[in-house]
Amino acid sequence: MKNSKLDVQKIKQTLSLGLPGMEEQYKLAPLNRERLSHINHEDPSIRKAAVLVNLFFNDEQDKLLLTERSTYDGIHSGQISFPGGKFEEKETDPIQVALREAEEEIGIPSNEVDIIGLMSPLYIPVSKMYVQPVLSCSNFLNWNPSNKEVAQVLEVPISDLLSIDAVKYKDMELSDRGIIQVPYFDFRGHHIWGATAMMINELLAIIRRTF
């Protein structure tokens, strides 16, 4: 990434030494979230997905690419998430899926993205989705969000996420667990929580290891 203060090579080296994994993910999990360490990948009800965790440099800052989902009739409507989606028939490579979905959702061409490596997968019980985060970086900035899937693109400074008071807490009513306390990142009034926050927390742990 041009002018970036993040050392991508150090990040790659950090990934090669082992991932922070569930320990860091669950620091940002809603309280009482069940820890699922074993997933039956043969279970036909579990859907595989991949998301692109993309780093870039803009406005003199290293940033993380997120999207606000469009409003629709579904459990993740309007939430903040990474660009990504489900594996299509015969797809087996999470990198291919993450790149395809990112191009469809926000218009970032696959050939403009450099893959850094894979982060720890995460199971989302409420949607029965097994998600593989794909860490990447790019110099591409000309977002062209799909009106059908994306309400807006968010450029979140890494420094904001790393700040000592970045994580806040609120009570939320979840359909499967009632009212519980939920940790979240607050970015300009957008509450980044759940699986997205859990993946971000692992990313931040990886970045801190490079300092």
Protein backbone atom coordinates (compact mmCIF):
# COMPACT_ATOMS: atom_id res chain seq x y z
CA MET A 1 0.00 0.00 0.00
CA LYS A 2 1.40 3.38 -1.00
CA ASN A 3 2.50 5.52 1.98
CA SER A 4 1.08 3.00 4.45
CA LYS A 5 2.49 2.88 7.97
CA LEU A 6 1.51 -0.79 8.22
CA ASP A 7 4.23 -3.27 7.32
CA VAL A 8 2.50 -5.85 5.13
CA GLN A 9 5.52 -8.15 5.13
CA LYS A 10 5.53 -8.18 8.93
CA ILE A 11 1.82 -8.95 8.90
CA LYS A 12 2.47 -11.91 6.58
CA GLN A 13 5.26 -13.12 8.86
CA THR A 14 2.94 -12.81 11.86
CA LEU A 15 0.30 -14.92 10.11
CA SER A 16 2.89 -17.60 9.37
CA LEU A 17 3.69 -17.89 13.08
CA GLY A 18 0.11 -18.73 14.03
CA LEU A 19 -3.17 -16.87 14.42
CA PRO A 20 -4.55 -15.29 17.62
CA GLY A 21 -7.78 -17.12 16.79
CA MET A 22 -10.74 -17.71 19.06
CA GLU A 23 -9.04 -16.16 22.10
CA GLU A 24 -9.08 -12.72 20.46
CA GLN A 25 -12.33 -13.21 18.57
CA TYR A 26 -14.32 -13.96 21.70
CA LYS A 27 -13.12 -10.83 23.50
CA LEU A 28 -15.61 -9.01 21.25
CA ALA A 29 -18.33 -11.65 21.32
CA PRO A 30 -21.74 -10.88 22.87
CA LEU A 31 -21.82 -12.16 26.43
CA ASN A 32 -22.95 -15.79 26.80
CA ARG A 33 -22.24 -16.57 23.16
CA GLU A 34 -21.72 -20.29 22.88
CA ARG A 35 -18.15 -21.29 22.04
CA LEU A 36 -18.26 -23.60 19.05
CA SER A 37 -14.86 -25.14 18.46
CA HIS A 38 -16.08 -28.10 16.42
CA ILE A 39 -18.16 -27.68 13.29
CA ASN A 40 -19.47 -30.59 11.28
CA HIS A 41 -18.59 -29.45 7.78
CA GLU A 42 -20.71 -32.24 6.32
CA ASP A 43 -23.86 -30.82 7.90
CA PRO A 44 -25.92 -29.63 4.89
CA SER A 45 -27.57 -26.91 6.98
CA ILE A 46 -24.22 -25.14 7.50
CA ARG A 47 -23.38 -22.72 4.70
CA LYS A 48 -19.81 -21.71 3.86
CA ALA A 49 -18.92 -18.08 3.20
CA ALA A 50 -15.87 -15.86 2.84
CA VAL A 51 -15.31 -12.15 3.47
CA LEU A 52 -12.59 -9.74 2.36
CA VAL A 53 -10.80 -7.97 5.22
CA ASN A 54 -9.17 -5.26 3.13
CA LEU A 55 -6.60 -2.72 4.33
CA PHE A 56 -5.89 0.44 2.34
CA PHE A 57 -4.41 3.93 2.72
CA ASN A 58 -6.47 7.07 2.19
CA ASP A 59 -6.54 10.60 3.59
CA GLU A 60 -3.13 10.02 5.23
CA GLN A 61 -4.47 7.09 7.25
CA ASP A 62 -4.40 3.31 7.16
CA LYS A 63 -8.00 2.15 6.97
CA LEU A 64 -10.22 -0.92 7.03
CA LEU A 65 -12.94 -1.41 4.44
CA LEU A 66 -16.43 -2.14 5.78
CA THR A 67 -19.93 -1.87 4.36
CA GLU A 68 -23.34 -1.08 5.75
CA ARG A 69 -25.75 -3.69 4.44
CA SER A 70 -28.87 -2.56 2.64
CA THR A 71 -32.18 -3.03 4.44
CA TYR A 72 -33.83 -6.34 3.59
CA ASP A 73 -35.98 -9.03 5.16
CA GLY A 74 -33.25 -10.91 6.99
CA ILE A 75 -31.38 -11.21 10.28
CA HIS A 76 -28.33 -9.21 9.15
CA SER A 77 -30.28 -6.35 7.57
CA GLY A 78 -28.58 -2.96 7.96
CA GLN A 79 -25.61 -4.36 9.87
CA ILE A 80 -21.98 -3.37 9.37
CA SER A 81 -19.99 -6.12 7.72
CA PHE A 82 -17.09 -6.99 5.48
CA PRO A 83 -17.81 -7.44 1.78
CA GLY A 84 -18.36 -11.13 1.15
CA GLY A 85 -20.88 -13.88 0.84
CA LYS A 86 -21.70 -17.53 0.34
CA PHE A 87 -19.81 -20.07 -1.72
CA GLU A 88 -21.52 -20.74 -5.01
CA GLU A 89 -21.91 -24.23 -6.42
CA LYS A 90 -18.54 -25.90 -7.10
CA GLU A 91 -16.57 -23.08 -5.44
CA THR A 92 -13.99 -24.37 -2.95
CA ASP A 93 -11.46 -21.54 -2.60
CA PRO A 94 -12.36 -18.89 0.01
CA ILE A 95 -10.02 -16.37 -1.62
CA GLN A 96 -11.87 -16.71 -4.91
CA VAL A 97 -15.22 -16.30 -3.12
CA ALA A 98 -14.11 -13.23 -1.13
CA LEU A 99 -12.70 -11.53 -4.24
CA ARG A 100 -15.77 -12.30 -6.34
CA GLU A 101 -18.16 -11.04 -3.70
CA ALA A 102 -16.12 -7.87 -3.06
CA GLU A 103 -16.15 -7.06 -6.76
CA GLU A 104 -19.91 -7.66 -6.95
CA GLU A 105 -20.70 -5.65 -3.81
CA ILE A 106 -18.34 -2.67 -3.99
CA GLY A 107 -16.72 -2.84 -7.43
CA ILE A 108 -13.15 -3.56 -6.34
CA PRO A 109 -11.46 -5.52 -9.17
CA SER A 110 -9.81 -8.77 -8.12
CA ASN A 111 -6.59 -7.79 -9.87
CA GLU A 112 -6.34 -4.67 -7.68
CA VAL A 113 -6.19 -6.74 -4.47
CA ASP A 114 -3.09 -8.30 -2.89
CA ILE A 115 -3.85 -11.27 -0.65
CA ILE A 116 -1.97 -11.25 2.67
CA GLY A 117 -3.35 -14.51 4.07
CA LEU A 118 -6.21 -16.22 5.85
CA MET A 119 -7.43 -15.32 9.31
CA SER A 120 -9.29 -17.61 11.71
CA PRO A 121 -12.68 -18.86 10.46
CA LEU A 122 -15.75 -18.06 12.51
CA TYR A 123 -19.11 -19.79 12.87
CA ILE A 124 -22.22 -17.61 13.09
CA PRO A 125 -24.89 -19.68 14.88
CA VAL A 126 -27.92 -17.47 14.12
CA SER A 127 -27.44 -17.82 10.35
CA LYS A 128 -25.61 -21.18 10.42
CA MET A 129 -22.78 -19.63 8.45
CA TYR A 130 -19.14 -20.75 8.59
CA VAL A 131 -17.11 -17.72 7.50
CA GLN A 132 -13.50 -17.56 6.33
CA PRO A 133 -11.96 -14.05 6.58
CA VAL A 134 -9.42 -13.32 3.82
CA LEU A 135 -6.93 -10.59 4.77
CA SER A 136 -5.83 -8.35 1.91
CA CYS A 137 -4.54 -4.91 1.00
CA SER A 138 -5.00 -2.66 -2.01
CA ASN A 139 -4.49 0.82 -3.44
CA PHE A 140 -7.94 0.84 -5.03
CA LEU A 141 -10.29 3.59 -3.81
CA ASN A 142 -12.98 3.96 -6.46
CA TRP A 143 -15.80 2.14 -4.66
CA ASN A 144 -18.89 1.39 -6.71
CA PRO A 145 -21.32 -0.16 -4.22
CA SER A 146 -24.21 -2.33 -5.36
CA ASN A 147 -27.45 -0.58 -4.42
CA LYS A 148 -29.10 -3.95 -3.88
CA GLU A 149 -26.61 -5.14 -1.25
CA VAL A 150 -24.74 -2.12 0.13
CA ALA A 151 -26.18 1.05 1.65
CA GLN A 152 -22.76 2.67 1.96
CA VAL A 153 -19.03 1.97 2.12
CA LEU A 154 -17.25 2.78 5.38
CA GLU A 155 -13.56 3.70 5.56
CA VAL A 156 -12.61 3.04 9.19
CA PRO A 157 -9.18 4.28 10.38
CA ILE A 158 -7.11 1.54 12.00
CA SER A 159 -5.95 4.08 14.59
CA ASP A 160 -9.58 4.54 15.72
CA LEU A 161 -9.98 0.80 16.23
CA LEU A 162 -6.68 0.57 18.13
CA SER A 163 -7.50 3.42 20.51
CA ILE A 164 -7.83 2.55 24.18
CA ASP A 165 -11.52 3.51 24.32
CA ALA A 166 -12.53 2.00 20.98
CA VAL A 167 -14.71 -0.72 22.49
CA LYS A 168 -18.05 0.21 24.05
CA TYR A 169 -20.92 -1.87 25.47
CA LYS A 170 -24.70 -1.80 25.15
CA ASP A 171 -27.68 -4.00 25.97
CA MET A 172 -29.35 -5.60 22.96
CA GLU A 173 -32.31 -7.91 22.60
CA LEU A 174 -31.35 -10.92 20.49
CA SER A 175 -34.01 -13.29 19.24
CA ASP A 176 -32.24 -16.40 20.53
CA ARG A 177 -30.94 -15.10 23.89
CA GLY A 178 -33.09 -12.21 25.07
CA ILE A 179 -31.44 -9.03 26.37
CA ILE A 180 -27.66 -9.37 26.72
CA GLN A 181 -24.64 -7.09 26.88
CA VAL A 182 -22.89 -6.64 23.55
CA PRO A 183 -19.42 -5.15 22.93
CA TYR A 184 -19.03 -3.04 19.81
CA PHE A 185 -16.82 -0.57 17.97
CA ASP A 186 -18.49 2.82 17.50
CA PHE A 187 -17.61 4.52 14.21
CA ARG A 188 -19.46 7.77 13.59
CA GLY A 189 -22.62 6.36 15.11
CA HIS A 190 -22.32 3.00 13.37
CA HIS A 191 -22.22 0.12 15.85
CA ILE A 192 -19.87 -2.61 14.61
CA TRP A 193 -20.66 -5.74 16.60
CA GLY A 194 -21.11 -9.50 16.40
CA ALA A 195 -19.03 -11.57 13.99
CA THR A 196 -17.61 -8.47 12.27
CA ALA A 197 -16.29 -7.06 15.56
CA MET A 198 -14.90 -10.47 16.49
CA MET A 199 -12.95 -10.69 13.23
CA ILE A 200 -11.74 -7.10 13.62
CA ASN A 201 -10.41 -7.88 17.08
CA GLU A 202 -8.28 -10.72 15.72
CA LEU A 203 -7.01 -8.39 12.99
CA LEU A 204 -6.02 -5.80 15.59
CA ALA A 205 -4.16 -8.46 17.59
CA ILE A 206 -2.25 -9.39 14.41
CA ILE A 207 -1.40 -5.75 13.71
CA ARG A 208 -0.24 -5.14 17.30
CA ARG A 209 2.22 -8.01 16.96
CA THR A 210 3.98 -6.11 14.16
CA PHE A 211 4.74 -3.03 16.29
